[in-house]
């Protein structure tokens, strides 16, 4: 019998699909389906990253707030979420997670190089930055604790201000809680 604590799913690998629905995204891999704010998304790149992901280039149109909104959800102050993002460096080598509260017209963000993500701030705490076996992809995981109550837009950005600055997005999982679980593709 294998040790369940040493399965690839529990040490940052992709793992197998689980029965319980944990990933809150409607589509975790096709970035074209996400809402765009001063951003654009490429056609599939057909990268076959890690033997699985096609990948998409998420590019800003030049605005500092350019992003793709992955999820809009009502949140309460103090609620915790885990955001797991499989990415490759694009033209900037940077990324930014943004949680925007439209009613309050303010938000929280964390940004930095993919190779050395920021460790925390603005409600975010770095849980891990795990290089993947293909040598190009990285799994970046943050815990986010909601700083407001209301509708929140969970966004991702290449963190660039020049039109065309991009980030290669492979997949994202957003789940309620404080501990990341194995990646679950959506739709199932």
N, C-alpha and C. Protein backbone atom coordinates (compact mmCIF):
# COMPACT_ATOMS: atom_id res chain seq x y z
N UNK A 1 0.85 -1.19 0.00
CA UNK A 1 0.00 0.00 0.00
C UNK A 1 0.88 1.24 0.00
N UNK A 2 0.55 2.21 -0.84
CA UNK A 2 1.37 3.42 -0.90
C UNK A 2 1.00 4.37 0.23
N UNK A 3 1.95 5.20 0.57
CA UNK A 3 1.74 6.19 1.62
C UNK A 3 0.96 7.37 1.04
N UNK A 4 -0.27 7.63 1.53
CA UNK A 4 -1.07 8.72 0.97
C UNK A 4 -0.44 10.09 1.17
N UNK A 5 0.50 10.22 2.08
CA UNK A 5 1.14 11.51 2.30
C UNK A 5 2.20 11.83 1.25
N UNK A 6 2.56 10.83 0.43
CA UNK A 6 3.60 11.05 -0.56
C UNK A 6 3.08 11.02 -1.98
N UNK A 7 1.79 11.09 -2.18
CA UNK A 7 1.25 11.09 -3.53
C UNK A 7 1.57 12.40 -4.23
N UNK A 8 1.73 12.37 -5.56
CA UNK A 8 2.02 13.61 -6.28
C UNK A 8 0.99 14.70 -6.02
N UNK A 9 -0.26 14.32 -5.81
CA UNK A 9 -1.31 15.31 -5.59
C UNK A 9 -1.05 16.12 -4.32
N UNK A 10 -0.44 15.49 -3.34
CA UNK A 10 -0.24 16.18 -2.07
C UNK A 10 1.10 16.92 -1.99
N UNK A 11 1.97 16.71 -2.97
CA UNK A 11 3.25 17.42 -2.93
C UNK A 11 3.38 18.40 -4.09
N UNK A 12 2.23 18.83 -4.64
CA UNK A 12 2.27 19.88 -5.64
C UNK A 12 2.03 19.40 -7.05
N UNK A 13 1.89 18.09 -7.25
CA UNK A 13 1.60 17.58 -8.58
C UNK A 13 0.15 17.80 -8.93
N UNK A 14 -0.21 17.37 -10.14
CA UNK A 14 -1.58 17.59 -10.59
C UNK A 14 -2.56 16.64 -9.93
N UNK A 15 -2.13 15.40 -9.65
CA UNK A 15 -3.02 14.47 -8.97
C UNK A 15 -4.21 14.06 -9.80
N UNK A 16 -5.04 13.24 -9.24
CA UNK A 16 -6.22 12.77 -9.94
C UNK A 16 -7.44 13.59 -9.54
N UNK A 17 -8.46 13.52 -10.38
CA UNK A 17 -9.70 14.27 -10.09
C UNK A 17 -10.35 13.71 -8.84
N UNK A 18 -10.85 14.57 -8.01
CA UNK A 18 -11.54 14.18 -6.80
C UNK A 18 -13.04 14.26 -7.03
N UNK A 19 -13.82 13.55 -6.24
CA UNK A 19 -15.26 13.54 -6.40
C UNK A 19 -15.89 14.86 -5.94
N UNK A 20 -15.46 15.38 -4.82
CA UNK A 20 -16.05 16.62 -4.30
C UNK A 20 -15.60 17.80 -5.16
N UNK A 21 -16.52 18.69 -5.44
CA UNK A 21 -16.19 19.88 -6.22
C UNK A 21 -15.59 20.92 -5.28
N UNK A 22 -14.33 21.25 -5.53
CA UNK A 22 -13.64 22.24 -4.70
C UNK A 22 -13.29 23.49 -5.48
N UNK A 23 -12.97 23.31 -6.76
CA UNK A 23 -12.55 24.46 -7.57
C UNK A 23 -13.76 25.32 -7.86
N UNK A 24 -13.72 26.57 -7.43
CA UNK A 24 -14.86 27.47 -7.58
C UNK A 24 -15.00 28.05 -8.98
N UNK A 25 -13.98 27.90 -9.82
CA UNK A 25 -14.04 28.44 -11.17
C UNK A 25 -14.97 27.62 -12.06
N UNK A 26 -15.65 28.28 -12.97
CA UNK A 26 -16.47 27.57 -13.96
C UNK A 26 -15.58 26.93 -15.01
N UNK A 27 -14.48 27.59 -15.36
CA UNK A 27 -13.52 27.05 -16.32
C UNK A 27 -12.13 27.38 -15.81
N UNK A 28 -11.38 26.36 -15.47
CA UNK A 28 -10.08 26.57 -14.82
C UNK A 28 -8.92 26.68 -15.80
N UNK A 29 -9.14 26.32 -17.08
CA UNK A 29 -8.02 26.31 -18.02
C UNK A 29 -8.21 27.20 -19.23
N UNK A 30 -9.44 27.43 -19.69
CA UNK A 30 -9.67 28.23 -20.89
C UNK A 30 -9.83 29.70 -20.49
N UNK A 31 -8.72 30.41 -20.51
CA UNK A 31 -8.68 31.80 -20.07
C UNK A 31 -9.59 32.69 -20.92
N UNK A 32 -9.89 32.25 -22.15
CA UNK A 32 -10.77 33.05 -23.02
C UNK A 32 -12.15 33.25 -22.41
N UNK A 33 -12.58 32.35 -21.53
CA UNK A 33 -13.92 32.45 -20.94
C UNK A 33 -13.97 33.42 -19.76
N UNK A 34 -12.82 33.89 -19.28
CA UNK A 34 -12.78 34.80 -18.15
C UNK A 34 -13.06 36.22 -18.62
N UNK A 35 -13.61 37.05 -17.74
CA UNK A 35 -13.86 38.45 -18.08
C UNK A 35 -12.55 39.22 -18.20
N UNK A 36 -12.45 40.08 -19.20
CA UNK A 36 -11.23 40.85 -19.41
C UNK A 36 -11.46 42.33 -19.10
N UNK A 37 -10.52 42.92 -18.38
CA UNK A 37 -10.53 44.35 -18.07
C UNK A 37 -9.19 44.89 -18.56
N UNK A 38 -9.22 45.66 -19.65
CA UNK A 38 -8.00 46.21 -20.25
C UNK A 38 -6.98 45.10 -20.50
N UNK A 39 -7.46 43.96 -21.00
CA UNK A 39 -6.59 42.82 -21.26
C UNK A 39 -7.13 42.03 -22.45
N UNK A 40 -6.28 41.19 -23.01
CA UNK A 40 -6.69 40.30 -24.09
C UNK A 40 -6.09 38.93 -23.84
N UNK A 41 -6.65 37.92 -24.52
CA UNK A 41 -6.20 36.55 -24.36
C UNK A 41 -5.97 35.95 -25.74
N UNK A 42 -4.89 35.21 -25.88
CA UNK A 42 -4.54 34.58 -27.14
C UNK A 42 -5.42 33.36 -27.42
N UNK A 43 -5.28 32.83 -28.61
CA UNK A 43 -5.83 31.51 -28.92
C UNK A 43 -5.01 30.50 -28.13
N UNK A 44 -5.50 29.24 -28.02
CA UNK A 44 -4.70 28.24 -27.31
C UNK A 44 -3.29 28.15 -27.89
N UNK A 45 -2.30 28.01 -27.03
CA UNK A 45 -0.91 27.94 -27.47
C UNK A 45 -0.46 26.51 -27.76
N UNK A 46 -1.25 25.51 -27.38
CA UNK A 46 -0.95 24.10 -27.62
C UNK A 46 0.44 23.72 -27.08
N UNK A 47 0.73 24.15 -25.88
CA UNK A 47 2.03 23.90 -25.26
C UNK A 47 2.17 22.47 -24.76
N UNK A 48 1.07 21.82 -24.42
CA UNK A 48 1.09 20.52 -23.77
C UNK A 48 1.98 20.58 -22.52
N UNK A 49 1.88 21.69 -21.79
CA UNK A 49 2.69 21.88 -20.59
C UNK A 49 2.37 20.78 -19.58
N UNK A 50 3.39 20.19 -19.04
CA UNK A 50 3.29 19.11 -18.07
C UNK A 50 2.44 17.97 -18.63
N UNK A 51 2.41 17.83 -19.96
CA UNK A 51 1.65 16.77 -20.60
C UNK A 51 0.16 16.97 -20.53
N UNK A 52 -0.29 18.20 -20.23
CA UNK A 52 -1.71 18.40 -20.00
C UNK A 52 -2.28 19.73 -20.47
N UNK A 53 -1.60 20.84 -20.20
CA UNK A 53 -2.20 22.16 -20.39
C UNK A 53 -1.82 22.79 -21.72
N UNK A 54 -2.81 23.38 -22.39
CA UNK A 54 -2.57 24.08 -23.65
C UNK A 54 -1.87 25.41 -23.40
N UNK A 55 -2.37 26.20 -22.46
CA UNK A 55 -1.80 27.50 -22.14
C UNK A 55 -2.36 28.61 -23.00
N UNK A 56 -2.44 29.80 -22.41
CA UNK A 56 -2.93 31.01 -23.08
C UNK A 56 -2.06 32.18 -22.66
N UNK A 57 -1.81 33.09 -23.60
CA UNK A 57 -1.10 34.32 -23.26
C UNK A 57 -2.13 35.35 -22.82
N UNK A 58 -2.02 35.82 -21.59
CA UNK A 58 -2.87 36.88 -21.05
C UNK A 58 -2.07 38.16 -21.15
N UNK A 59 -2.55 39.11 -21.96
CA UNK A 59 -1.79 40.34 -22.22
C UNK A 59 -2.57 41.57 -21.77
N UNK A 60 -1.85 42.55 -21.27
CA UNK A 60 -2.46 43.83 -20.91
C UNK A 60 -2.53 44.72 -22.16
N UNK A 61 -3.49 45.61 -22.17
CA UNK A 61 -3.57 46.58 -23.26
C UNK A 61 -2.82 47.86 -22.90
N UNK A 62 -2.10 47.83 -21.79
CA UNK A 62 -1.29 48.97 -21.38
C UNK A 62 -1.72 49.62 -20.09
N UNK A 63 -2.91 49.31 -19.62
CA UNK A 63 -3.39 49.88 -18.36
C UNK A 63 -2.83 49.08 -17.18
N UNK A 64 -2.44 49.78 -16.14
CA UNK A 64 -1.86 49.12 -14.97
C UNK A 64 -2.84 48.14 -14.33
N UNK A 65 -4.13 48.36 -14.49
CA UNK A 65 -5.13 47.49 -13.86
C UNK A 65 -5.60 46.37 -14.80
N UNK A 66 -5.00 46.25 -15.98
CA UNK A 66 -5.41 45.22 -16.93
C UNK A 66 -5.33 43.84 -16.31
N UNK A 67 -6.40 43.05 -16.48
CA UNK A 67 -6.43 41.72 -15.86
C UNK A 67 -7.54 40.88 -16.48
N UNK A 68 -7.52 39.60 -16.16
CA UNK A 68 -8.63 38.71 -16.46
C UNK A 68 -9.28 38.37 -15.13
N UNK A 69 -10.59 38.59 -15.04
CA UNK A 69 -11.33 38.24 -13.83
C UNK A 69 -11.82 36.81 -13.96
N UNK A 70 -11.31 35.95 -13.09
CA UNK A 70 -11.61 34.53 -13.13
C UNK A 70 -12.91 34.20 -12.45
N UNK A 71 -13.25 34.97 -11.41
CA UNK A 71 -14.38 34.62 -10.55
C UNK A 71 -14.94 35.88 -9.91
N UNK A 72 -16.26 36.00 -9.91
CA UNK A 72 -16.96 37.03 -9.12
C UNK A 72 -17.77 36.29 -8.08
N UNK A 73 -17.60 36.69 -6.82
CA UNK A 73 -18.22 35.93 -5.74
C UNK A 73 -18.45 36.85 -4.55
N UNK A 74 -19.54 36.63 -3.85
CA UNK A 74 -19.77 37.32 -2.60
C UNK A 74 -18.86 36.76 -1.52
N UNK A 75 -18.16 37.63 -0.82
CA UNK A 75 -17.27 37.20 0.25
C UNK A 75 -17.59 37.99 1.52
N UNK A 76 -17.15 37.47 2.64
CA UNK A 76 -17.30 38.15 3.93
C UNK A 76 -15.93 38.42 4.52
N UNK A 77 -15.82 39.53 5.20
CA UNK A 77 -14.59 39.90 5.87
C UNK A 77 -14.05 38.72 6.67
N UNK A 78 -12.78 38.38 6.46
CA UNK A 78 -12.14 37.31 7.22
C UNK A 78 -12.22 35.94 6.59
N UNK A 79 -13.04 35.76 5.54
CA UNK A 79 -13.10 34.46 4.86
C UNK A 79 -11.77 34.18 4.16
N UNK A 80 -11.37 32.90 4.15
CA UNK A 80 -10.10 32.52 3.53
C UNK A 80 -10.33 31.76 2.23
N UNK A 81 -9.45 32.03 1.27
CA UNK A 81 -9.45 31.35 -0.02
C UNK A 81 -8.02 30.97 -0.36
N UNK A 82 -7.87 29.86 -1.09
CA UNK A 82 -6.57 29.47 -1.62
C UNK A 82 -6.63 29.61 -3.13
N UNK A 83 -5.64 30.30 -3.68
CA UNK A 83 -5.54 30.51 -5.13
C UNK A 83 -4.28 29.80 -5.60
N UNK A 84 -4.46 28.77 -6.42
CA UNK A 84 -3.35 28.00 -6.97
C UNK A 84 -3.27 28.29 -8.46
N UNK A 85 -2.13 28.79 -8.91
CA UNK A 85 -1.98 29.26 -10.29
C UNK A 85 -0.79 28.57 -10.94
N UNK A 86 -1.06 27.85 -12.04
CA UNK A 86 0.01 27.26 -12.85
C UNK A 86 0.32 28.25 -13.96
N UNK A 87 1.55 28.76 -14.00
CA UNK A 87 1.94 29.78 -14.97
C UNK A 87 3.33 29.51 -15.53
N UNK A 88 3.62 30.20 -16.62
CA UNK A 88 4.96 30.31 -17.17
C UNK A 88 5.25 31.79 -17.35
N UNK A 89 6.52 32.17 -17.24
CA UNK A 89 6.83 33.59 -17.46
C UNK A 89 6.47 33.99 -18.88
N UNK A 90 5.87 35.14 -19.01
CA UNK A 90 5.63 35.72 -20.33
C UNK A 90 6.70 36.76 -20.59
N UNK A 91 6.34 37.81 -21.27
CA UNK A 91 7.32 38.84 -21.64
C UNK A 91 7.86 39.61 -20.44
N UNK A 92 7.09 39.71 -19.37
CA UNK A 92 7.56 40.46 -18.20
C UNK A 92 8.19 39.58 -17.13
N UNK A 93 7.88 38.28 -17.13
CA UNK A 93 8.36 37.41 -16.06
C UNK A 93 7.65 37.67 -14.75
N UNK A 94 6.57 38.48 -14.80
CA UNK A 94 5.84 38.91 -13.61
C UNK A 94 4.41 38.39 -13.63
N UNK A 95 3.75 38.48 -12.49
CA UNK A 95 2.32 38.19 -12.38
C UNK A 95 1.75 39.07 -11.27
N UNK A 96 0.44 39.16 -11.25
CA UNK A 96 -0.22 39.88 -10.16
C UNK A 96 -1.59 39.26 -9.95
N UNK A 97 -1.90 38.97 -8.69
CA UNK A 97 -3.26 38.58 -8.30
C UNK A 97 -3.95 39.84 -7.79
N UNK A 98 -5.19 40.03 -8.21
CA UNK A 98 -5.98 41.19 -7.80
C UNK A 98 -7.31 40.70 -7.27
N UNK A 99 -7.72 41.18 -6.12
CA UNK A 99 -9.07 40.97 -5.61
C UNK A 99 -9.70 42.35 -5.58
N UNK A 100 -10.71 42.58 -6.43
CA UNK A 100 -11.32 43.89 -6.59
C UNK A 100 -12.72 43.86 -6.00
N UNK A 101 -13.05 44.85 -5.20
CA UNK A 101 -14.37 45.01 -4.60
C UNK A 101 -15.06 46.17 -5.32
N UNK A 102 -15.87 45.89 -6.36
CA UNK A 102 -16.45 46.96 -7.18
C UNK A 102 -17.29 47.97 -6.39
N UNK A 103 -18.10 47.51 -5.45
CA UNK A 103 -18.97 48.43 -4.71
C UNK A 103 -18.15 49.42 -3.88
N UNK A 104 -17.03 48.97 -3.37
CA UNK A 104 -16.16 49.84 -2.57
C UNK A 104 -15.15 50.60 -3.43
N UNK A 105 -15.04 50.21 -4.70
CA UNK A 105 -14.08 50.80 -5.63
C UNK A 105 -12.66 50.74 -5.08
N UNK A 106 -12.31 49.58 -4.54
CA UNK A 106 -10.96 49.35 -4.05
C UNK A 106 -10.66 47.86 -4.08
N UNK A 107 -9.40 47.53 -3.90
CA UNK A 107 -9.03 46.13 -3.95
C UNK A 107 -7.70 45.85 -3.30
N UNK A 108 -7.34 44.59 -3.33
CA UNK A 108 -6.08 44.11 -2.79
C UNK A 108 -5.32 43.44 -3.93
N UNK A 109 -4.00 43.52 -3.89
CA UNK A 109 -3.23 42.82 -4.90
C UNK A 109 -1.88 42.43 -4.35
N UNK A 110 -1.28 41.45 -5.01
CA UNK A 110 0.09 41.06 -4.72
C UNK A 110 0.74 40.75 -6.05
N UNK A 111 1.96 41.20 -6.22
CA UNK A 111 2.64 41.08 -7.51
C UNK A 111 4.11 40.76 -7.29
N UNK A 112 4.74 40.31 -8.35
CA UNK A 112 6.17 40.06 -8.30
C UNK A 112 6.60 39.14 -9.40
N UNK A 113 7.89 38.82 -9.40
CA UNK A 113 8.40 37.91 -10.41
C UNK A 113 7.90 36.49 -10.17
N UNK A 114 7.65 35.77 -11.24
CA UNK A 114 7.24 34.37 -11.12
C UNK A 114 8.33 33.56 -10.43
N UNK A 115 9.58 33.91 -10.68
CA UNK A 115 10.70 33.16 -10.11
C UNK A 115 10.89 33.39 -8.61
N UNK A 116 10.33 34.47 -8.07
CA UNK A 116 10.47 34.77 -6.64
C UNK A 116 9.24 35.55 -6.18
N UNK A 117 8.08 34.88 -6.04
CA UNK A 117 6.85 35.58 -5.68
C UNK A 117 6.95 36.29 -4.34
N UNK A 118 6.23 37.40 -4.24
CA UNK A 118 6.16 38.13 -2.97
C UNK A 118 5.59 37.21 -1.89
N UNK A 119 6.08 37.35 -0.66
CA UNK A 119 5.68 36.44 0.40
C UNK A 119 4.37 36.81 1.07
N UNK A 120 3.94 38.05 0.94
CA UNK A 120 2.67 38.41 1.55
C UNK A 120 2.41 39.89 1.55
N UNK A 121 1.19 40.23 1.99
CA UNK A 121 0.74 41.61 2.06
C UNK A 121 -0.64 41.75 1.48
N UNK A 122 -1.39 42.77 1.91
CA UNK A 122 -2.72 43.07 1.38
C UNK A 122 -3.68 41.88 1.46
N UNK A 123 -3.61 41.11 2.52
CA UNK A 123 -4.50 39.96 2.69
C UNK A 123 -3.96 38.67 2.12
N UNK A 124 -2.82 38.71 1.40
CA UNK A 124 -2.24 37.52 0.77
C UNK A 124 -1.08 36.98 1.60
N UNK A 125 -0.96 35.64 1.64
CA UNK A 125 0.18 34.97 2.24
C UNK A 125 0.64 33.89 1.27
N UNK A 126 1.92 33.89 0.91
CA UNK A 126 2.46 32.87 0.01
C UNK A 126 2.49 31.53 0.72
N UNK A 127 1.87 30.52 0.09
CA UNK A 127 1.89 29.16 0.63
C UNK A 127 2.97 28.33 -0.04
N UNK A 128 3.26 28.63 -1.30
CA UNK A 128 4.29 27.87 -2.00
C UNK A 128 4.52 28.37 -3.40
N UNK A 129 5.74 28.14 -3.86
CA UNK A 129 6.13 28.40 -5.24
C UNK A 129 6.89 27.16 -5.67
N UNK A 130 6.25 26.33 -6.49
CA UNK A 130 6.76 25.00 -6.77
C UNK A 130 7.08 24.86 -8.26
N UNK A 131 8.38 24.83 -8.62
CA UNK A 131 8.73 24.58 -10.02
C UNK A 131 8.20 23.20 -10.43
N UNK A 132 7.67 23.11 -11.64
CA UNK A 132 7.11 21.86 -12.12
C UNK A 132 8.14 21.07 -12.92
N UNK A 133 7.84 19.79 -13.16
CA UNK A 133 8.81 18.88 -13.76
C UNK A 133 9.20 19.24 -15.18
N UNK A 134 8.43 20.08 -15.88
CA UNK A 134 8.79 20.44 -17.25
C UNK A 134 9.89 21.50 -17.30
N UNK A 135 10.27 22.04 -16.14
CA UNK A 135 11.35 23.01 -16.07
C UNK A 135 10.98 24.43 -16.48
N UNK A 136 9.74 24.66 -16.91
CA UNK A 136 9.32 25.99 -17.34
C UNK A 136 8.14 26.53 -16.54
N UNK A 137 7.31 25.63 -16.06
CA UNK A 137 6.06 26.00 -15.38
C UNK A 137 6.27 26.06 -13.87
N UNK A 138 5.47 26.91 -13.23
CA UNK A 138 5.55 27.08 -11.78
C UNK A 138 4.13 27.07 -11.22
N UNK A 139 3.95 26.41 -10.09
CA UNK A 139 2.69 26.46 -9.34
C UNK A 139 2.90 27.46 -8.21
N UNK A 140 2.14 28.56 -8.23
CA UNK A 140 2.22 29.57 -7.18
C UNK A 140 0.92 29.52 -6.39
N UNK A 141 1.03 29.36 -5.07
CA UNK A 141 -0.16 29.23 -4.22
C UNK A 141 -0.16 30.31 -3.14
N UNK A 142 -1.29 31.00 -3.06
CA UNK A 142 -1.50 32.03 -2.04
C UNK A 142 -2.77 31.73 -1.26
N UNK A 143 -2.74 32.09 0.02
CA UNK A 143 -3.97 32.16 0.80
C UNK A 143 -4.36 33.64 0.81
N UNK A 144 -5.64 33.89 0.58
CA UNK A 144 -6.14 35.26 0.63
C UNK A 144 -7.24 35.31 1.68
N UNK A 145 -7.15 36.28 2.59
CA UNK A 145 -8.17 36.51 3.60
C UNK A 145 -8.89 37.80 3.21
N UNK A 146 -10.20 37.68 2.98
CA UNK A 146 -11.00 38.82 2.51
C UNK A 146 -10.88 40.00 3.47
N UNK A 147 -10.62 41.17 2.90
CA UNK A 147 -10.47 42.38 3.69
C UNK A 147 -11.75 43.22 3.72
N UNK A 148 -12.78 42.77 3.00
CA UNK A 148 -14.06 43.47 2.93
C UNK A 148 -15.18 42.44 2.81
N UNK A 149 -16.40 42.90 2.95
CA UNK A 149 -17.58 42.08 2.70
C UNK A 149 -18.26 42.63 1.45
N UNK A 150 -18.69 41.74 0.58
CA UNK A 150 -19.37 42.15 -0.65
C UNK A 150 -18.91 41.33 -1.83
N UNK A 151 -19.32 41.75 -3.03
CA UNK A 151 -18.88 41.06 -4.24
C UNK A 151 -17.39 41.32 -4.45
N UNK A 152 -16.68 40.26 -4.80
CA UNK A 152 -15.24 40.37 -5.06
C UNK A 152 -14.94 39.74 -6.41
N UNK A 153 -14.09 40.39 -7.17
CA UNK A 153 -13.62 39.85 -8.45
C UNK A 153 -12.19 39.36 -8.26
N UNK A 154 -11.97 38.08 -8.50
CA UNK A 154 -10.65 37.48 -8.38
C UNK A 154 -9.98 37.58 -9.75
N UNK A 155 -8.89 38.35 -9.85
CA UNK A 155 -8.26 38.59 -11.14
C UNK A 155 -6.80 38.18 -11.17
N UNK A 156 -6.30 38.03 -12.40
CA UNK A 156 -4.91 37.67 -12.65
C UNK A 156 -4.38 38.57 -13.75
N UNK A 157 -3.12 38.99 -13.63
CA UNK A 157 -2.55 39.97 -14.55
C UNK A 157 -1.08 39.66 -14.81
N UNK A 158 -0.56 40.10 -15.98
CA UNK A 158 0.88 39.98 -16.23
C UNK A 158 1.70 41.05 -15.51
N UNK A 159 1.04 41.95 -14.80
CA UNK A 159 1.71 43.00 -14.04
C UNK A 159 2.59 43.87 -14.93
N UNK A 160 2.06 44.25 -16.07
CA UNK A 160 2.79 45.13 -16.97
C UNK A 160 1.97 46.34 -17.33
N UNK A 161 2.64 47.40 -17.75
CA UNK A 161 1.92 48.62 -18.14
C UNK A 161 2.17 48.99 -19.60
N UNK A 162 2.86 48.13 -20.33
CA UNK A 162 3.09 48.34 -21.75
C UNK A 162 2.16 47.42 -22.52
N UNK A 163 1.46 47.95 -23.50
CA UNK A 163 0.55 47.14 -24.29
C UNK A 163 1.29 45.92 -24.84
N UNK A 164 0.73 44.75 -24.62
CA UNK A 164 1.33 43.50 -25.08
C UNK A 164 2.10 42.75 -24.02
N UNK A 165 2.39 43.38 -22.87
CA UNK A 165 3.03 42.64 -21.77
C UNK A 165 2.15 41.45 -21.46
N UNK A 166 2.76 40.25 -21.37
CA UNK A 166 1.92 39.07 -21.17
C UNK A 166 2.48 38.09 -20.15
N UNK A 167 1.63 37.14 -19.82
CA UNK A 167 1.86 36.07 -18.86
C UNK A 167 1.24 34.82 -19.48
N UNK A 168 1.91 33.69 -19.38
CA UNK A 168 1.35 32.44 -19.90
C UNK A 168 0.61 31.74 -18.76
N UNK A 169 -0.71 31.61 -18.92
CA UNK A 169 -1.56 31.00 -17.90
C UNK A 169 -1.89 29.58 -18.35
N UNK A 170 -1.63 28.62 -17.48
CA UNK A 170 -1.92 27.22 -17.77
C UNK A 170 -3.22 26.78 -17.11
N UNK A 171 -3.38 27.09 -15.83
CA UNK A 171 -4.59 26.70 -15.09
C UNK A 171 -4.62 27.43 -13.76
N UNK A 172 -5.83 27.57 -13.21
CA UNK A 172 -6.01 28.21 -11.91
C UNK A 172 -7.06 27.43 -11.13
N UNK A 173 -6.85 27.33 -9.83
CA UNK A 173 -7.86 26.78 -8.93
C UNK A 173 -8.06 27.77 -7.80
N UNK A 174 -9.31 28.09 -7.52
CA UNK A 174 -9.67 28.93 -6.38
C UNK A 174 -10.59 28.10 -5.51
N UNK A 175 -10.28 28.00 -4.23
CA UNK A 175 -11.11 27.20 -3.33
C UNK A 175 -11.24 27.90 -1.99
N UNK A 176 -12.38 27.69 -1.36
CA UNK A 176 -12.60 28.22 -0.02
C UNK A 176 -11.77 27.40 0.95
N UNK A 177 -11.16 28.06 1.93
CA UNK A 177 -10.38 27.35 2.93
C UNK A 177 -8.99 27.94 3.07
N UNK A 178 -8.15 27.23 3.82
CA UNK A 178 -6.81 27.73 4.13
C UNK A 178 -5.69 26.83 3.62
N UNK A 179 -6.04 25.63 3.17
CA UNK A 179 -5.03 24.65 2.74
C UNK A 179 -5.32 24.24 1.30
N UNK A 180 -4.30 24.29 0.41
CA UNK A 180 -4.54 23.88 -0.97
C UNK A 180 -4.78 22.38 -1.07
N UNK A 181 -5.64 22.01 -2.01
CA UNK A 181 -5.90 20.60 -2.29
C UNK A 181 -5.46 20.32 -3.72
N UNK A 182 -5.43 19.05 -4.14
CA UNK A 182 -5.00 18.73 -5.50
C UNK A 182 -5.83 19.47 -6.55
N UNK A 183 -5.18 19.81 -7.65
CA UNK A 183 -5.84 20.53 -8.74
C UNK A 183 -7.04 19.73 -9.25
N UNK A 184 -8.12 20.45 -9.49
CA UNK A 184 -9.34 19.85 -10.04
C UNK A 184 -9.74 20.65 -11.28
N UNK A 185 -9.71 20.00 -12.42
CA UNK A 185 -10.06 20.66 -13.67
C UNK A 185 -11.55 20.98 -13.68
N UNK A 186 -11.89 22.17 -14.17
CA UNK A 186 -13.29 22.55 -14.34
C UNK A 186 -13.47 23.04 -15.76
N UNK A 187 -14.53 22.72 -16.49
CA UNK A 187 -15.60 21.86 -16.01
C UNK A 187 -15.11 20.43 -15.86
N UNK A 188 -15.78 19.69 -14.96
CA UNK A 188 -15.40 18.30 -14.69
C UNK A 188 -15.68 17.43 -15.87
